All heavy atoms as atom14 arrays in JSON, in Angstrom:
{
  "sequence": "IRAISQCFPNAQRQRCIAHKIRNILTKVPMKVEKEIKGRIKSI",
  "atom14_mask": [
    [1, 1, 1, 1, 1, 1, 1, 1, 0, 0, 0, 0, 0, 0],
    [1, 1, 1, 1, 1, 1, 1, 1, 1, 1, 1, 0, 0, 0],
    [1, 1, 1, 1, 1, 0, 0, 0, 0, 0, 0, 0, 0, 0],
    [1, 1, 1, 1, 1, 1, 1, 1, 0, 0, 0, 0, 0, 0],
    [1, 1, 1, 1, 1, 1, 0, 0, 0, 0, 0, 0, 0, 0],
    [1, 1, 1, 1, 1, 1, 1, 1, 1, 0, 0, 0, 0, 0],
    [1, 1, 1, 1, 1, 1, 0, 0, 0, 0, 0, 0, 0, 0],
    [1, 1, 1, 1, 1, 1, 1, 1, 1, 1, 1, 0, 0, 0],
    [1, 1, 1, 1, 1, 1, 1, 0, 0, 0, 0, 0, 0, 0],
    [1, 1, 1, 1, 1, 1, 1, 1, 0, 0, 0, 0, 0, 0],
    [1, 1, 1, 1, 1, 0, 0, 0, 0, 0, 0, 0, 0, 0],
    [1, 1, 1, 1, 1, 1, 1, 1, 1, 0, 0, 0, 0, 0],
    [1, 1, 1, 1, 1, 1, 1, 1, 1, 1, 1, 0, 0, 0],
    [1, 1, 1, 1, 1, 1, 1, 1, 1, 0, 0, 0, 0, 0],
    [1, 1, 1, 1, 1, 1, 1, 1, 1, 1, 1, 0, 0, 0],
    [1, 1, 1, 1, 1, 1, 0, 0, 0, 0, 0, 0, 0, 0],
    [1, 1, 1, 1, 1, 1, 1, 1, 0, 0, 0, 0, 0, 0],
    [1, 1, 1, 1, 1, 0, 0, 0, 0, 0, 0, 0, 0, 0],
    [1, 1, 1, 1, 1, 1, 1, 1, 1, 1, 0, 0, 0, 0],
    [1, 1, 1, 1, 1, 1, 1, 1, 1, 0, 0, 0, 0, 0],
    [1, 1, 1, 1, 1, 1, 1, 1, 0, 0, 0, 0, 0, 0],
    [1, 1, 1, 1, 1, 1, 1, 1, 1, 1, 1, 0, 0, 0],
    [1, 1, 1, 1, 1, 1, 1, 1, 0, 0, 0, 0, 0, 0],
    [1, 1, 1, 1, 1, 1, 1, 1, 0, 0, 0, 0, 0, 0],
    [1, 1, 1, 1, 1, 1, 1, 1, 0, 0, 0, 0, 0, 0],
    [1, 1, 1, 1, 1, 1, 1, 0, 0, 0, 0, 0, 0, 0],
    [1, 1, 1, 1, 1, 1, 1, 1, 1, 0, 0, 0, 0, 0],
    [1, 1, 1, 1, 1, 1, 1, 0, 0, 0, 0, 0, 0, 0],
    [1, 1, 1, 1, 1, 1, 1, 0, 0, 0, 0, 0, 0, 0],
    [1, 1, 1, 1, 1, 1, 1, 1, 0, 0, 0, 0, 0, 0],
    [1, 1, 1, 1, 1, 1, 1, 1, 1, 0, 0, 0, 0, 0],
    [1, 1, 1, 1, 1, 1, 1, 0, 0, 0, 0, 0, 0, 0],
    [1, 1, 1, 1, 1, 1, 1, 1, 1, 0, 0, 0, 0, 0],
    [1, 1, 1, 1, 1, 1, 1, 1, 1, 0, 0, 0, 0, 0],
    [1, 1, 1, 1, 1, 1, 1, 1, 1, 0, 0, 0, 0, 0],
    [1, 1, 1, 1, 1, 1, 1, 1, 0, 0, 0, 0, 0, 0],
    [1, 1, 1, 1, 1, 1, 1, 1, 1, 0, 0, 0, 0, 0],
    [1, 1, 1, 1, 0, 0, 0, 0, 0, 0, 0, 0, 0, 0],
    [1, 1, 1, 1, 1, 1, 1, 1, 1, 1, 1, 0, 0, 0],
    [1, 1, 1, 1, 1, 1, 1, 1, 0, 0, 0, 0, 0, 0],
    [1, 1, 1, 1, 1, 1, 1, 1, 1, 0, 0, 0, 0, 0],
    [1, 1, 1, 1, 1, 1, 0, 0, 0, 0, 0, 0, 0, 0],
    [1, 1, 1, 1, 1, 1, 1, 1, 0, 0, 0, 0, 0, 0]
  ],
  "atom14_positions": [
    [[118.03, 115.05, 122.89], [117.72, 116.34, 123.41], [118.67, 116.88, 124.55], [119.13, 117.95, 124.55], [116.3, 116.42, 123.72], [115.33, 116.26, 122.47], [115.97, 117.68, 124.43], [113.9, 116.14, 122.86], [0.0, 0.0, 0.0], [0.0, 0.0, 0.0], [0.0, 0.0, 0.0], [0.0, 0.0, 0.0], [0.0, 0.0, 0.0], [0.0, 0.0, 0.0]],
    [[118.85, 115.97, 125.54], [119.74, 116.3, 126.53], [121.21, 116.57, 126.03], [121.76, 117.7, 126.46], [119.82, 115.15, 127.6], [118.63, 115.04, 128.52], [118.87, 114.15, 129.68], [119.15, 112.73, 129.19], [118.3, 111.82, 129.07], [117.0, 112.08, 129.25], [118.47, 110.59, 128.64], [0.0, 0.0, 0.0], [0.0, 0.0, 0.0], [0.0, 0.0, 0.0]],
    [[121.75, 115.89, 125.03], [123.03, 116.13, 124.57], [123.2, 117.44, 123.86], [124.18, 118.13, 123.97], [123.51, 115.01, 123.68], [0.0, 0.0, 0.0], [0.0, 0.0, 0.0], [0.0, 0.0, 0.0], [0.0, 0.0, 0.0], [0.0, 0.0, 0.0], [0.0, 0.0, 0.0], [0.0, 0.0, 0.0], [0.0, 0.0, 0.0], [0.0, 0.0, 0.0]],
    [[122.07, 117.78, 123.11], [122.11, 119.05, 122.48], [122.16, 120.26, 123.45], [122.82, 121.17, 123.14], [120.74, 119.14, 121.56], [120.83, 118.26, 120.26], [120.54, 120.62, 121.06], [119.58, 118.13, 119.58], [0.0, 0.0, 0.0], [0.0, 0.0, 0.0], [0.0, 0.0, 0.0], [0.0, 0.0, 0.0], [0.0, 0.0, 0.0], [0.0, 0.0, 0.0]],
    [[121.32, 120.13, 124.43], [121.42, 121.22, 125.56], [122.65, 121.36, 126.21], [123.07, 122.45, 126.54], [120.18, 121.03, 126.4], [120.41, 119.76, 127.21], [0.0, 0.0, 0.0], [0.0, 0.0, 0.0], [0.0, 0.0, 0.0], [0.0, 0.0, 0.0], [0.0, 0.0, 0.0], [0.0, 0.0, 0.0], [0.0, 0.0, 0.0], [0.0, 0.0, 0.0]],
    [[123.38, 120.19, 126.2], [124.72, 120.2, 126.88], [125.75, 120.74, 126.01], [126.63, 121.61, 126.49], [125.03, 118.84, 127.36], [126.34, 118.61, 128.08], [126.5, 119.34, 129.37], [125.47, 119.47, 130.12], [127.7, 119.84, 129.82], [0.0, 0.0, 0.0], [0.0, 0.0, 0.0], [0.0, 0.0, 0.0], [0.0, 0.0, 0.0], [0.0, 0.0, 0.0]],
    [[125.89, 120.4, 124.83], [126.91, 120.77, 123.97], [126.63, 122.02, 123.01], [127.57, 122.75, 122.64], [127.3, 119.59, 122.9], [127.81, 118.17, 123.83], [0.0, 0.0, 0.0], [0.0, 0.0, 0.0], [0.0, 0.0, 0.0], [0.0, 0.0, 0.0], [0.0, 0.0, 0.0], [0.0, 0.0, 0.0], [0.0, 0.0, 0.0], [0.0, 0.0, 0.0]],
    [[125.39, 122.38, 122.79], [125.01, 123.51, 122.1], [123.96, 124.34, 122.89], [122.77, 124.42, 122.51], [124.47, 123.17, 120.71], [125.45, 122.31, 119.92], [125.27, 120.86, 119.76], [126.43, 122.93, 119.24], [126.06, 120.1, 119.07], [127.41, 122.09, 118.52], [127.13, 120.73, 118.43], [0.0, 0.0, 0.0], [0.0, 0.0, 0.0], [0.0, 0.0, 0.0]],
    [[124.31, 124.82, 123.99], [123.36, 125.38, 124.98], [122.44, 126.55, 124.48], [121.28, 126.75, 124.98], [124.25, 125.84, 126.22], [125.62, 126.06, 125.53], [125.65, 125.02, 124.49], [0.0, 0.0, 0.0], [0.0, 0.0, 0.0], [0.0, 0.0, 0.0], [0.0, 0.0, 0.0], [0.0, 0.0, 0.0], [0.0, 0.0, 0.0], [0.0, 0.0, 0.0]],
    [[122.95, 127.24, 123.53], [122.31, 128.36, 123.06], [121.54, 128.22, 121.71], [120.72, 128.97, 121.25], [123.21, 129.63, 122.73], [123.87, 130.13, 124.11], [123.28, 129.84, 125.09], [124.96, 130.74, 124.02], [0.0, 0.0, 0.0], [0.0, 0.0, 0.0], [0.0, 0.0, 0.0], [0.0, 0.0, 0.0], [0.0, 0.0, 0.0], [0.0, 0.0, 0.0]],
    [[121.77, 127.09, 121.11], [121.12, 126.75, 119.76], [119.65, 126.46, 119.93], [119.18, 125.9, 120.96], [121.84, 125.47, 119.19], [0.0, 0.0, 0.0], [0.0, 0.0, 0.0], [0.0, 0.0, 0.0], [0.0, 0.0, 0.0], [0.0, 0.0, 0.0], [0.0, 0.0, 0.0], [0.0, 0.0, 0.0], [0.0, 0.0, 0.0], [0.0, 0.0, 0.0]],
    [[118.88, 126.93, 118.94], [117.45, 126.52, 118.88], [117.35, 125.11, 118.43], [118.17, 124.6, 117.57], [116.75, 127.58, 118.0], [116.71, 129.0, 118.65], [115.85, 129.96, 117.69], [116.11, 130.12, 116.45], [114.85, 130.66, 118.42], [0.0, 0.0, 0.0], [0.0, 0.0, 0.0], [0.0, 0.0, 0.0], [0.0, 0.0, 0.0], [0.0, 0.0, 0.0]],
    [[116.2, 124.53, 118.71], [116.12, 123.05, 118.34], [114.83, 122.98, 117.55], [113.7, 123.45, 117.89], [115.94, 122.08, 119.58], [115.8, 120.84, 119.22], [116.12, 119.91, 120.53], [115.04, 120.26, 121.57], [113.82, 119.75, 121.63], [113.46, 118.93, 120.66], [112.96, 120.11, 122.53], [0.0, 0.0, 0.0], [0.0, 0.0, 0.0], [0.0, 0.0, 0.0]],
    [[114.89, 122.23, 116.32], [113.82, 121.91, 115.55], [113.5, 120.49, 115.58], [114.32, 119.58, 115.3], [113.96, 122.35, 114.04], [112.95, 121.88, 112.99], [111.52, 122.4, 113.33], [111.45, 123.68, 113.57], [110.49, 121.63, 113.15], [0.0, 0.0, 0.0], [0.0, 0.0, 0.0], [0.0, 0.0, 0.0], [0.0, 0.0, 0.0], [0.0, 0.0, 0.0]],
    [[112.21, 120.03, 115.95], [111.93, 118.57, 116.03], [111.52, 118.32, 114.58], [110.73, 119.03, 113.86], [110.74, 118.46, 116.9], [110.1, 117.08, 117.08], [110.82, 116.17, 117.95], [110.13, 114.96, 118.26], [109.44, 114.72, 119.27], [109.22, 115.67, 120.22], [108.88, 113.55, 119.43], [0.0, 0.0, 0.0], [0.0, 0.0, 0.0], [0.0, 0.0, 0.0]],
    [[111.98, 117.22, 114.03], [111.62, 116.58, 112.73], [110.1, 116.45, 112.67], [109.58, 115.5, 113.42], [112.43, 115.37, 112.5], [112.0, 114.59, 110.93], [0.0, 0.0, 0.0], [0.0, 0.0, 0.0], [0.0, 0.0, 0.0], [0.0, 0.0, 0.0], [0.0, 0.0, 0.0], [0.0, 0.0, 0.0], [0.0, 0.0, 0.0], [0.0, 0.0, 0.0]],
    [[109.45, 117.1, 111.88], [107.95, 117.01, 111.94], [107.56, 115.8, 111.11], [106.41, 115.31, 111.29], [107.36, 118.31, 111.24], [107.7, 118.53, 109.88], [107.53, 119.46, 112.14], [106.86, 119.66, 109.15], [0.0, 0.0, 0.0], [0.0, 0.0, 0.0], [0.0, 0.0, 0.0], [0.0, 0.0, 0.0], [0.0, 0.0, 0.0], [0.0, 0.0, 0.0]],
    [[108.39, 115.2, 110.33], [107.94, 113.94, 109.64], [107.96, 112.83, 110.63], [106.97, 111.97, 110.65], [109.09, 113.62, 108.54], [0.0, 0.0, 0.0], [0.0, 0.0, 0.0], [0.0, 0.0, 0.0], [0.0, 0.0, 0.0], [0.0, 0.0, 0.0], [0.0, 0.0, 0.0], [0.0, 0.0, 0.0], [0.0, 0.0, 0.0], [0.0, 0.0, 0.0]],
    [[108.89, 112.71, 111.58], [108.83, 111.8, 112.61], [107.52, 112.05, 113.53], [106.95, 111.07, 113.92], [110.11, 111.85, 113.49], [111.25, 111.19, 112.91], [112.17, 112.01, 112.0], [111.87, 109.97, 112.98], [113.14, 111.19, 111.73], [112.98, 109.95, 112.17], [0.0, 0.0, 0.0], [0.0, 0.0, 0.0], [0.0, 0.0, 0.0], [0.0, 0.0, 0.0]],
    [[107.43, 113.32, 113.78], [106.37, 113.75, 114.79], [105.02, 113.28, 114.2], [104.14, 112.87, 114.9], [106.45, 115.23, 115.04], [105.53, 115.59, 116.15], [105.9, 115.03, 117.49], [105.07, 115.7, 118.61], [105.42, 115.01, 119.91], [0.0, 0.0, 0.0], [0.0, 0.0, 0.0], [0.0, 0.0, 0.0], [0.0, 0.0, 0.0], [0.0, 0.0, 0.0]],
    [[104.85, 113.69, 112.93], [103.54, 113.28, 112.33], [103.14, 111.77, 112.39], [101.96, 111.37, 112.69], [103.42, 113.82, 110.89], [103.36, 115.4, 110.84], [102.16, 113.26, 110.23], [103.48, 116.01, 109.42], [0.0, 0.0, 0.0], [0.0, 0.0, 0.0], [0.0, 0.0, 0.0], [0.0, 0.0, 0.0], [0.0, 0.0, 0.0], [0.0, 0.0, 0.0]],
    [[104.23, 111.06, 112.12], [103.98, 109.56, 112.07], [103.65, 109.18, 113.58], [102.8, 108.32, 113.74], [105.25, 108.91, 111.76], [105.51, 108.92, 110.23], [106.55, 107.95, 109.76], [107.9, 108.15, 110.3], [108.82, 108.93, 109.46], [108.46, 109.43, 108.39], [110.06, 109.05, 110.05], [0.0, 0.0, 0.0], [0.0, 0.0, 0.0], [0.0, 0.0, 0.0]],
    [[104.41, 109.71, 114.54], [104.04, 109.32, 115.95], [102.55, 109.74, 116.28], [101.91, 109.03, 116.88], [104.95, 110.12, 116.85], [106.4, 109.61, 116.73], [106.66, 108.53, 116.27], [107.26, 110.37, 117.28], [0.0, 0.0, 0.0], [0.0, 0.0, 0.0], [0.0, 0.0, 0.0], [0.0, 0.0, 0.0], [0.0, 0.0, 0.0], [0.0, 0.0, 0.0]],
    [[102.17, 110.86, 115.83], [100.76, 111.43, 116.18], [99.68, 110.54, 115.64], [98.74, 110.13, 116.35], [100.51, 112.83, 115.84], [101.55, 113.68, 116.49], [99.05, 113.26, 115.86], [101.55, 115.24, 116.04], [0.0, 0.0, 0.0], [0.0, 0.0, 0.0], [0.0, 0.0, 0.0], [0.0, 0.0, 0.0], [0.0, 0.0, 0.0], [0.0, 0.0, 0.0]],
    [[99.85, 110.02, 114.29], [98.97, 109.32, 113.63], [98.77, 107.9, 114.17], [97.77, 107.26, 113.9], [99.16, 109.36, 112.13], [99.11, 110.66, 111.39], [99.47, 110.48, 109.91], [97.76, 111.32, 111.61], [0.0, 0.0, 0.0], [0.0, 0.0, 0.0], [0.0, 0.0, 0.0], [0.0, 0.0, 0.0], [0.0, 0.0, 0.0], [0.0, 0.0, 0.0]],
    [[99.75, 107.47, 114.89], [99.62, 106.14, 115.57], [98.61, 106.16, 116.68], [98.17, 105.04, 117.25], [100.87, 105.58, 116.06], [101.4, 106.43, 117.1], [101.98, 105.43, 114.88], [0.0, 0.0, 0.0], [0.0, 0.0, 0.0], [0.0, 0.0, 0.0], [0.0, 0.0, 0.0], [0.0, 0.0, 0.0], [0.0, 0.0, 0.0], [0.0, 0.0, 0.0]],
    [[98.07, 107.39, 117.13], [97.17, 107.57, 118.4], [95.82, 107.81, 117.85], [94.94, 107.98, 118.74], [97.57, 108.76, 119.07], [99.07, 108.84, 119.37], [99.57, 107.78, 120.25], [101.01, 108.02, 120.57], [101.57, 106.76, 121.44], [0.0, 0.0, 0.0], [0.0, 0.0, 0.0], [0.0, 0.0, 0.0], [0.0, 0.0, 0.0], [0.0, 0.0, 0.0]],
    [[95.32, 107.58, 116.44], [94.05, 107.81, 116.02], [93.62, 106.67, 115.24], [94.47, 105.97, 114.54], [93.93, 109.19, 115.28], [94.27, 110.37, 116.33], [94.76, 109.22, 114.07], [0.0, 0.0, 0.0], [0.0, 0.0, 0.0], [0.0, 0.0, 0.0], [0.0, 0.0, 0.0], [0.0, 0.0, 0.0], [0.0, 0.0, 0.0], [0.0, 0.0, 0.0]],
    [[92.19, 106.47, 115.05], [91.87, 105.41, 114.1], [92.18, 105.77, 112.73], [92.24, 106.97, 112.3], [90.35, 105.42, 114.34], [90.16, 106.02, 115.75], [91.21, 107.06, 115.85], [0.0, 0.0, 0.0], [0.0, 0.0, 0.0], [0.0, 0.0, 0.0], [0.0, 0.0, 0.0], [0.0, 0.0, 0.0], [0.0, 0.0, 0.0], [0.0, 0.0, 0.0]],
    [[92.33, 104.77, 111.81], [92.69, 104.9, 110.46], [91.63, 105.83, 109.72], [91.99, 106.52, 108.89], [92.74, 103.57, 109.68], [94.08, 102.81, 110.11], [94.22, 101.33, 109.18], [94.37, 101.87, 107.49], [0.0, 0.0, 0.0], [0.0, 0.0, 0.0], [0.0, 0.0, 0.0], [0.0, 0.0, 0.0], [0.0, 0.0, 0.0], [0.0, 0.0, 0.0]],
    [[90.33, 105.79, 110.03], [89.32, 106.45, 109.5], [89.39, 107.93, 109.49], [88.97, 108.7, 108.6], [87.92, 106.0, 109.83], [87.63, 106.34, 111.29], [86.28, 105.82, 111.67], [85.91, 106.11, 113.12], [84.56, 105.66, 113.38], [0.0, 0.0, 0.0], [0.0, 0.0, 0.0], [0.0, 0.0, 0.0], [0.0, 0.0, 0.0], [0.0, 0.0, 0.0]],
    [[90.17, 108.47, 110.53], [90.3, 109.86, 110.76], [91.67, 110.35, 110.37], [92.05, 111.49, 110.57], [89.81, 110.26, 111.97], [88.33, 110.17, 112.27], [90.68, 109.63, 113.14], [0.0, 0.0, 0.0], [0.0, 0.0, 0.0], [0.0, 0.0, 0.0], [0.0, 0.0, 0.0], [0.0, 0.0, 0.0], [0.0, 0.0, 0.0], [0.0, 0.0, 0.0]],
    [[92.6, 109.35, 110.02], [94.05, 109.69, 109.81], [94.19, 110.93, 108.87], [94.87, 111.84, 109.0], [94.84, 108.51, 109.19], [95.22, 107.67, 110.4], [96.27, 106.61, 109.84], [96.47, 106.68, 108.63], [96.62, 105.77, 110.6], [0.0, 0.0, 0.0], [0.0, 0.0, 0.0], [0.0, 0.0, 0.0], [0.0, 0.0, 0.0], [0.0, 0.0, 0.0]],
    [[93.47, 110.9, 107.63], [93.6, 111.92, 106.65], [93.18, 113.2, 107.07], [93.77, 114.31, 107.04], [92.67, 111.57, 105.48], [92.82, 112.51, 104.25], [92.07, 111.95, 103.04], [92.32, 112.84, 101.9], [91.38, 112.4, 100.66], [0.0, 0.0, 0.0], [0.0, 0.0, 0.0], [0.0, 0.0, 0.0], [0.0, 0.0, 0.0], [0.0, 0.0, 0.0]],
    [[92.05, 113.28, 107.97], [91.57, 114.61, 108.48], [92.54, 115.17, 109.53], [92.9, 116.3, 109.44], [90.15, 114.33, 109.33], [89.79, 115.47, 110.03], [88.55, 114.99, 110.94], [87.77, 114.03, 110.61], [88.32, 115.69, 111.91], [0.0, 0.0, 0.0], [0.0, 0.0, 0.0], [0.0, 0.0, 0.0], [0.0, 0.0, 0.0], [0.0, 0.0, 0.0]],
    [[93.1, 114.24, 110.38], [94.05, 114.76, 111.5], [95.27, 115.22, 110.78], [95.83, 116.26, 111.08], [94.29, 113.67, 112.4], [93.04, 113.17, 113.17], [95.4, 113.96, 113.37], [92.52, 114.25, 114.06], [0.0, 0.0, 0.0], [0.0, 0.0, 0.0], [0.0, 0.0, 0.0], [0.0, 0.0, 0.0], [0.0, 0.0, 0.0], [0.0, 0.0, 0.0]],
    [[95.83, 114.45, 109.79], [97.02, 114.77, 109.16], [96.89, 116.16, 108.4], [97.9, 116.98, 108.41], [97.37, 113.69, 108.08], [98.74, 113.96, 107.4], [99.11, 112.8, 106.63], [100.46, 112.93, 105.97], [100.84, 111.73, 105.15], [0.0, 0.0, 0.0], [0.0, 0.0, 0.0], [0.0, 0.0, 0.0], [0.0, 0.0, 0.0], [0.0, 0.0, 0.0]],
    [[95.75, 116.3, 107.8], [95.52, 117.76, 107.1], [95.56, 118.82, 108.12], [96.18, 119.91, 107.81], [0.0, 0.0, 0.0], [0.0, 0.0, 0.0], [0.0, 0.0, 0.0], [0.0, 0.0, 0.0], [0.0, 0.0, 0.0], [0.0, 0.0, 0.0], [0.0, 0.0, 0.0], [0.0, 0.0, 0.0], [0.0, 0.0, 0.0], [0.0, 0.0, 0.0]],
    [[95.07, 118.61, 109.33], [94.97, 119.75, 110.3], [96.39, 119.95, 110.81], [96.72, 121.12, 111.17], [94.01, 119.4, 111.48], [92.57, 119.26, 111.15], [92.04, 120.7, 111.05], [91.96, 121.43, 112.26], [90.95, 121.31, 113.26], [89.85, 120.6, 113.05], [91.15, 122.2, 114.34], [0.0, 0.0, 0.0], [0.0, 0.0, 0.0], [0.0, 0.0, 0.0]],
    [[97.08, 118.83, 111.07], [98.47, 119.05, 111.62], [99.32, 119.82, 110.68], [100.14, 120.66, 110.98], [98.95, 117.62, 112.06], [98.32, 117.07, 113.18], [100.44, 117.81, 112.43], [98.69, 115.64, 113.36], [0.0, 0.0, 0.0], [0.0, 0.0, 0.0], [0.0, 0.0, 0.0], [0.0, 0.0, 0.0], [0.0, 0.0, 0.0], [0.0, 0.0, 0.0]],
    [[99.21, 119.34, 109.45], [100.09, 120.0, 108.38], [99.83, 121.5, 108.21], [100.66, 122.37, 107.96], [99.89, 119.32, 106.95], [100.62, 118.0, 106.87], [100.54, 117.48, 105.42], [101.52, 116.31, 105.24], [101.62, 115.92, 103.9], [0.0, 0.0, 0.0], [0.0, 0.0, 0.0], [0.0, 0.0, 0.0], [0.0, 0.0, 0.0], [0.0, 0.0, 0.0]],
    [[98.47, 121.87, 108.44], [98.16, 123.34, 108.37], [98.78, 124.05, 109.41], [99.12, 125.25, 109.28], [96.7, 123.53, 108.41], [96.09, 123.16, 109.72], [0.0, 0.0, 0.0], [0.0, 0.0, 0.0], [0.0, 0.0, 0.0], [0.0, 0.0, 0.0], [0.0, 0.0, 0.0], [0.0, 0.0, 0.0], [0.0, 0.0, 0.0], [0.0, 0.0, 0.0]],
    [[99.05, 123.4, 110.56], [99.78, 124.13, 111.64], [101.28, 124.14, 111.36], [101.86, 125.21, 111.45], [99.56, 123.19, 112.99], [97.95, 123.34, 113.39], [100.36, 123.86, 114.24], [97.63, 122.3, 114.42], [0.0, 0.0, 0.0], [0.0, 0.0, 0.0], [0.0, 0.0, 0.0], [0.0, 0.0, 0.0], [0.0, 0.0, 0.0], [0.0, 0.0, 0.0]]
  ]
}
């Protein structure tokens, strides 16, 4: 992220949502993963 801002200062940045969803789901119990994942995808 720091390197992008340094070399491409005006470019917009998109966070890979596949990586992000995996990170988020590690913070919740398995029994609610499907529910949380559905809500996140709707966003």
